[in-house]
Amino acid sequence: MNLTISGHHMAVTPSIRSYVEGKLSRIRRHFDHVIDVSVILTVDHLARKAEVSCHIPGKDIFVKSDDPDLYAAIDAVADKLDRQIIKHKDRLHAHPHDALKHHPPSD
């Protein structure tokens, strides 16, 4: 998994970088096929924003969150991304042809 962390109007400190890496490491627990993850952290006047773009085979997932606290924004965006990854994984493993087994065609 390639992880890119960048900051707009802020410097990405080693502590912020390690915090983001720790939060996004749980994505790999749920789904191994993550190719690329790009994180953009932005500081505006009163809001801190975190945006994550995640490239996985067959889909690109984009989530964002904002909060007055940067760490809370990172937590929220990690939770949103985690839910999206699990949702995508469930769709991949769903078997729509199983519905035919339960409802045979009427003759």
N, C-alpha and C. Protein backbone atom coordinates (compact mmCIF):
# COMPACT_ATOMS: atom_id res chain seq x y z
N MET A 1 0.85 -1.18 0.00
CA MET A 1 0.00 0.00 0.00
C MET A 1 0.90 1.24 0.00
N ASN A 2 0.71 2.08 -0.98
CA ASN A 2 1.43 3.35 -1.05
C ASN A 2 0.62 4.39 -0.30
N LEU A 3 1.26 5.04 0.67
CA LEU A 3 0.58 6.06 1.47
C LEU A 3 1.27 7.39 1.25
N THR A 4 0.50 8.38 0.81
CA THR A 4 1.01 9.73 0.60
C THR A 4 0.25 10.67 1.51
N ILE A 5 0.99 11.41 2.34
CA ILE A 5 0.37 12.37 3.26
C ILE A 5 0.91 13.75 2.93
N SER A 6 0.01 14.68 2.64
CA SER A 6 0.44 16.04 2.34
C SER A 6 -0.40 17.03 3.14
N GLY A 7 0.12 18.22 3.31
CA GLY A 7 -0.58 19.24 4.07
C GLY A 7 -0.72 20.52 3.27
N HIS A 8 -1.89 21.13 3.36
CA HIS A 8 -2.13 22.43 2.75
C HIS A 8 -2.16 23.46 3.88
N HIS A 9 -1.32 24.46 3.79
CA HIS A 9 -1.21 25.52 4.77
C HIS A 9 -0.77 25.00 6.14
N MET A 10 -0.05 23.89 6.12
CA MET A 10 0.47 23.33 7.37
C MET A 10 1.63 22.39 7.06
N ALA A 11 2.44 22.17 8.05
CA ALA A 11 3.53 21.20 7.93
C ALA A 11 3.07 19.88 8.54
N VAL A 12 3.36 18.80 7.86
CA VAL A 12 3.01 17.48 8.38
C VAL A 12 4.15 17.02 9.27
N THR A 13 3.91 17.05 10.57
CA THR A 13 4.93 16.68 11.54
C THR A 13 5.04 15.16 11.63
N PRO A 14 6.14 14.65 12.14
CA PRO A 14 6.27 13.19 12.30
C PRO A 14 5.17 12.59 13.19
N SER A 15 4.73 13.34 14.20
CA SER A 15 3.68 12.80 15.07
C SER A 15 2.35 12.69 14.33
N ILE A 16 2.02 13.68 13.51
CA ILE A 16 0.79 13.61 12.72
C ILE A 16 0.89 12.48 11.70
N ARG A 17 2.06 12.35 11.07
CA ARG A 17 2.27 11.29 10.07
C ARG A 17 2.09 9.91 10.70
N SER A 18 2.67 9.69 11.88
CA SER A 18 2.55 8.38 12.52
C SER A 18 1.10 8.14 12.98
N TYR A 19 0.41 9.20 13.40
CA TYR A 19 -0.99 9.06 13.81
C TYR A 19 -1.86 8.63 12.63
N VAL A 20 -1.66 9.27 11.48
CA VAL A 20 -2.42 8.93 10.28
C VAL A 20 -2.09 7.49 9.85
N GLU A 21 -0.82 7.13 9.86
CA GLU A 21 -0.44 5.77 9.48
C GLU A 21 -1.07 4.74 10.40
N GLY A 22 -1.12 5.03 11.68
CA GLY A 22 -1.74 4.11 12.63
C GLY A 22 -3.23 3.96 12.40
N LYS A 23 -3.90 5.06 12.11
CA LYS A 23 -5.35 5.02 11.88
C LYS A 23 -5.68 4.29 10.58
N LEU A 24 -4.86 4.47 9.55
CA LEU A 24 -5.15 3.86 8.26
C LEU A 24 -4.63 2.43 8.16
N SER A 25 -3.88 1.98 9.15
CA SER A 25 -3.37 0.61 9.11
C SER A 25 -4.50 -0.41 9.25
N ARG A 26 -5.60 -0.03 9.90
CA ARG A 26 -6.69 -0.98 10.07
C ARG A 26 -7.43 -1.26 8.77
N ILE A 27 -7.24 -0.42 7.76
CA ILE A 27 -7.83 -0.69 6.45
C ILE A 27 -7.28 -1.99 5.90
N ARG A 28 -6.00 -2.21 6.08
CA ARG A 28 -5.37 -3.43 5.57
C ARG A 28 -5.86 -4.68 6.29
N ARG A 29 -6.35 -4.52 7.52
CA ARG A 29 -6.92 -5.66 8.22
C ARG A 29 -8.19 -6.14 7.55
N HIS A 30 -8.97 -5.19 7.01
CA HIS A 30 -10.24 -5.53 6.41
C HIS A 30 -10.12 -5.90 4.93
N PHE A 31 -9.16 -5.29 4.24
CA PHE A 31 -9.07 -5.47 2.79
C PHE A 31 -7.61 -5.38 2.39
N ASP A 32 -7.06 -6.47 1.85
CA ASP A 32 -5.63 -6.53 1.54
C ASP A 32 -5.25 -5.88 0.21
N HIS A 33 -6.20 -5.65 -0.66
CA HIS A 33 -5.90 -5.23 -2.02
C HIS A 33 -5.90 -3.72 -2.22
N VAL A 34 -5.57 -2.96 -1.19
CA VAL A 34 -5.49 -1.51 -1.31
C VAL A 34 -4.21 -1.16 -2.06
N ILE A 35 -4.33 -0.40 -3.15
CA ILE A 35 -3.18 -0.07 -3.97
C ILE A 35 -2.53 1.23 -3.51
N ASP A 36 -3.32 2.28 -3.40
CA ASP A 36 -2.77 3.60 -3.15
C ASP A 36 -3.71 4.38 -2.25
N VAL A 37 -3.16 5.09 -1.26
CA VAL A 37 -3.94 5.94 -0.38
C VAL A 37 -3.28 7.31 -0.34
N SER A 38 -4.07 8.34 -0.60
CA SER A 38 -3.58 9.71 -0.57
C SER A 38 -4.35 10.49 0.48
N VAL A 39 -3.62 11.12 1.40
CA VAL A 39 -4.23 11.88 2.49
C VAL A 39 -3.83 13.34 2.33
N ILE A 40 -4.83 14.23 2.40
CA ILE A 40 -4.57 15.67 2.35
C ILE A 40 -5.13 16.28 3.62
N LEU A 41 -4.28 16.91 4.39
CA LEU A 41 -4.68 17.59 5.62
C LEU A 41 -4.63 19.09 5.36
N THR A 42 -5.72 19.78 5.69
CA THR A 42 -5.84 21.21 5.41
C THR A 42 -6.21 21.96 6.68
N VAL A 43 -5.61 23.12 6.86
CA VAL A 43 -5.95 23.99 7.98
C VAL A 43 -6.54 25.27 7.42
N ASP A 44 -7.81 25.54 7.73
CA ASP A 44 -8.45 26.81 7.41
C ASP A 44 -8.51 27.62 8.70
N HIS A 45 -9.25 28.69 8.71
CA HIS A 45 -9.29 29.54 9.90
C HIS A 45 -9.76 28.80 11.14
N LEU A 46 -10.94 28.21 11.07
CA LEU A 46 -11.49 27.53 12.24
C LEU A 46 -11.62 26.03 12.05
N ALA A 47 -11.49 25.55 10.83
CA ALA A 47 -11.72 24.13 10.56
C ALA A 47 -10.44 23.45 10.13
N ARG A 48 -10.30 22.22 10.57
CA ARG A 48 -9.22 21.36 10.11
C ARG A 48 -9.89 20.27 9.29
N LYS A 49 -9.38 20.04 8.08
CA LYS A 49 -10.00 19.09 7.17
C LYS A 49 -9.05 17.95 6.88
N ALA A 50 -9.61 16.76 6.77
CA ALA A 50 -8.86 15.59 6.35
C ALA A 50 -9.61 14.95 5.19
N GLU A 51 -8.90 14.72 4.09
CA GLU A 51 -9.47 14.09 2.91
C GLU A 51 -8.62 12.88 2.56
N VAL A 52 -9.28 11.78 2.24
CA VAL A 52 -8.57 10.56 1.88
C VAL A 52 -9.14 10.05 0.57
N SER A 53 -8.23 9.77 -0.35
CA SER A 53 -8.58 9.14 -1.62
C SER A 53 -7.90 7.78 -1.64
N CYS A 54 -8.68 6.73 -1.80
CA CYS A 54 -8.17 5.37 -1.72
C CYS A 54 -8.45 4.64 -3.03
N HIS A 55 -7.41 4.10 -3.64
CA HIS A 55 -7.56 3.39 -4.90
C HIS A 55 -7.45 1.89 -4.63
N ILE A 56 -8.52 1.17 -4.93
CA ILE A 56 -8.54 -0.28 -4.81
C ILE A 56 -8.97 -0.86 -6.16
N PRO A 57 -8.69 -2.11 -6.43
CA PRO A 57 -9.06 -2.67 -7.74
C PRO A 57 -10.56 -2.53 -8.00
N GLY A 58 -10.91 -1.85 -9.08
CA GLY A 58 -12.29 -1.72 -9.48
C GLY A 58 -13.01 -0.51 -8.93
N LYS A 59 -12.38 0.25 -8.03
CA LYS A 59 -13.09 1.37 -7.43
C LYS A 59 -12.12 2.36 -6.80
N ASP A 60 -12.51 3.62 -6.81
CA ASP A 60 -11.81 4.66 -6.05
C ASP A 60 -12.77 5.16 -4.99
N ILE A 61 -12.28 5.26 -3.76
CA ILE A 61 -13.11 5.71 -2.64
C ILE A 61 -12.56 7.04 -2.15
N PHE A 62 -13.45 8.02 -1.98
CA PHE A 62 -13.06 9.33 -1.48
C PHE A 62 -13.92 9.68 -0.28
N VAL A 63 -13.27 10.03 0.82
CA VAL A 63 -13.99 10.46 2.02
C VAL A 63 -13.32 11.72 2.57
N LYS A 64 -14.12 12.55 3.23
CA LYS A 64 -13.56 13.75 3.85
C LYS A 64 -14.29 14.05 5.14
N SER A 65 -13.61 14.79 6.00
CA SER A 65 -14.19 15.16 7.28
C SER A 65 -13.54 16.47 7.73
N ASP A 66 -14.30 17.25 8.48
CA ASP A 66 -13.71 18.46 9.05
C ASP A 66 -14.16 18.61 10.50
N ASP A 67 -13.29 19.21 11.30
CA ASP A 67 -13.52 19.34 12.73
C ASP A 67 -12.58 20.44 13.21
N PRO A 68 -12.91 21.12 14.31
CA PRO A 68 -11.97 22.11 14.85
C PRO A 68 -10.64 21.48 15.30
N ASP A 69 -10.65 20.19 15.65
CA ASP A 69 -9.45 19.49 16.06
C ASP A 69 -8.98 18.58 14.93
N LEU A 70 -7.72 18.69 14.53
CA LEU A 70 -7.20 17.91 13.42
C LEU A 70 -7.23 16.42 13.71
N TYR A 71 -6.91 16.03 14.93
CA TYR A 71 -6.91 14.62 15.28
C TYR A 71 -8.32 14.02 15.23
N ALA A 72 -9.32 14.79 15.62
CA ALA A 72 -10.70 14.34 15.53
C ALA A 72 -11.13 14.20 14.06
N ALA A 73 -10.66 15.09 13.21
CA ALA A 73 -10.97 14.99 11.78
C ALA A 73 -10.33 13.74 11.18
N ILE A 74 -9.11 13.43 11.61
CA ILE A 74 -8.43 12.22 11.13
C ILE A 74 -9.17 10.98 11.61
N ASP A 75 -9.61 10.98 12.88
CA ASP A 75 -10.39 9.85 13.41
C ASP A 75 -11.66 9.64 12.60
N ALA A 76 -12.38 10.73 12.33
CA ALA A 76 -13.65 10.63 11.61
C ALA A 76 -13.44 10.13 10.18
N VAL A 77 -12.41 10.62 9.51
CA VAL A 77 -12.18 10.21 8.13
C VAL A 77 -11.72 8.75 8.09
N ALA A 78 -10.98 8.30 9.08
CA ALA A 78 -10.57 6.89 9.14
C ALA A 78 -11.77 5.98 9.35
N ASP A 79 -12.71 6.41 10.21
CA ASP A 79 -13.93 5.63 10.43
C ASP A 79 -14.78 5.55 9.16
N LYS A 80 -14.92 6.68 8.46
CA LYS A 80 -15.70 6.69 7.23
C LYS A 80 -15.08 5.79 6.17
N LEU A 81 -13.75 5.87 6.03
CA LEU A 81 -13.07 5.05 5.05
C LEU A 81 -13.19 3.57 5.40
N ASP A 82 -13.09 3.26 6.67
CA ASP A 82 -13.22 1.88 7.13
C ASP A 82 -14.60 1.32 6.77
N ARG A 83 -15.64 2.10 7.00
CA ARG A 83 -16.99 1.66 6.65
C ARG A 83 -17.14 1.45 5.14
N GLN A 84 -16.57 2.35 4.34
CA GLN A 84 -16.66 2.23 2.89
C GLN A 84 -15.92 0.98 2.38
N ILE A 85 -14.76 0.70 2.97
CA ILE A 85 -13.97 -0.47 2.58
C ILE A 85 -14.74 -1.75 2.92
N ILE A 86 -15.32 -1.82 4.11
CA ILE A 86 -16.08 -2.99 4.52
C ILE A 86 -17.30 -3.17 3.61
N LYS A 87 -17.95 -2.07 3.27
CA LYS A 87 -19.11 -2.12 2.38
C LYS A 87 -18.72 -2.66 1.00
N HIS A 88 -17.59 -2.18 0.49
CA HIS A 88 -17.11 -2.64 -0.81
C HIS A 88 -16.73 -4.12 -0.76
N LYS A 89 -16.09 -4.53 0.32
CA LYS A 89 -15.69 -5.93 0.48
C LYS A 89 -16.92 -6.83 0.54
N ASP A 90 -17.96 -6.40 1.25
CA ASP A 90 -19.19 -7.18 1.33
C ASP A 90 -19.86 -7.31 -0.03
N ARG A 91 -19.79 -6.26 -0.83
CA ARG A 91 -20.37 -6.33 -2.17
C ARG A 91 -19.60 -7.30 -3.05
N LEU A 92 -18.28 -7.36 -2.88
CA LEU A 92 -17.48 -8.28 -3.67
C LEU A 92 -17.79 -9.73 -3.32
N HIS A 93 -18.03 -9.98 -2.05
CA HIS A 93 -18.25 -11.35 -1.60
C HIS A 93 -19.71 -11.77 -1.62
N ALA A 94 -20.61 -10.88 -1.98
CA ALA A 94 -22.03 -11.23 -2.08
C ALA A 94 -22.22 -12.10 -3.32
N HIS A 95 -23.12 -13.03 -3.21
CA HIS A 95 -23.39 -13.92 -4.33
C HIS A 95 -24.84 -13.72 -4.79
N PRO A 96 -25.05 -12.89 -5.79
CA PRO A 96 -26.42 -12.62 -6.23
C PRO A 96 -27.10 -13.85 -6.83
N HIS A 97 -26.32 -14.82 -7.32
CA HIS A 97 -26.94 -16.01 -7.90
C HIS A 97 -27.51 -16.94 -6.83
N ASP A 98 -27.19 -16.71 -5.55
CA ASP A 98 -27.77 -17.50 -4.47
C ASP A 98 -29.28 -17.27 -4.35
N ALA A 99 -29.75 -16.14 -4.80
CA ALA A 99 -31.18 -15.84 -4.71
C ALA A 99 -31.99 -16.82 -5.56
N LEU A 100 -31.41 -17.32 -6.63
CA LEU A 100 -32.12 -18.27 -7.49
C LEU A 100 -32.28 -19.62 -6.80
N LYS A 101 -31.37 -19.98 -5.92
CA LYS A 101 -31.47 -21.25 -5.21
C LYS A 101 -32.67 -21.26 -4.27
N HIS A 102 -32.97 -20.11 -3.70
CA HIS A 102 -34.06 -20.02 -2.74
C HIS A 102 -35.42 -19.87 -3.42
N HIS A 103 -35.45 -19.36 -4.61
CA HIS A 103 -36.69 -19.14 -5.34
C HIS A 103 -36.56 -19.79 -6.73
N PRO A 104 -36.84 -21.09 -6.84
CA PRO A 104 -36.72 -21.72 -8.15
C PRO A 104 -37.78 -21.18 -9.10
N PRO A 105 -37.46 -21.16 -10.37
CA PRO A 105 -38.44 -20.66 -11.34
C PRO A 105 -39.66 -21.56 -11.38
N SER A 106 -40.81 -20.95 -11.53
CA SER A 106 -42.04 -21.73 -11.58
C SER A 106 -42.26 -22.24 -13.00
N ASP A 107 -42.68 -23.48 -13.12
CA ASP A 107 -42.90 -24.07 -14.44
C ASP A 107 -44.35 -24.09 -14.81
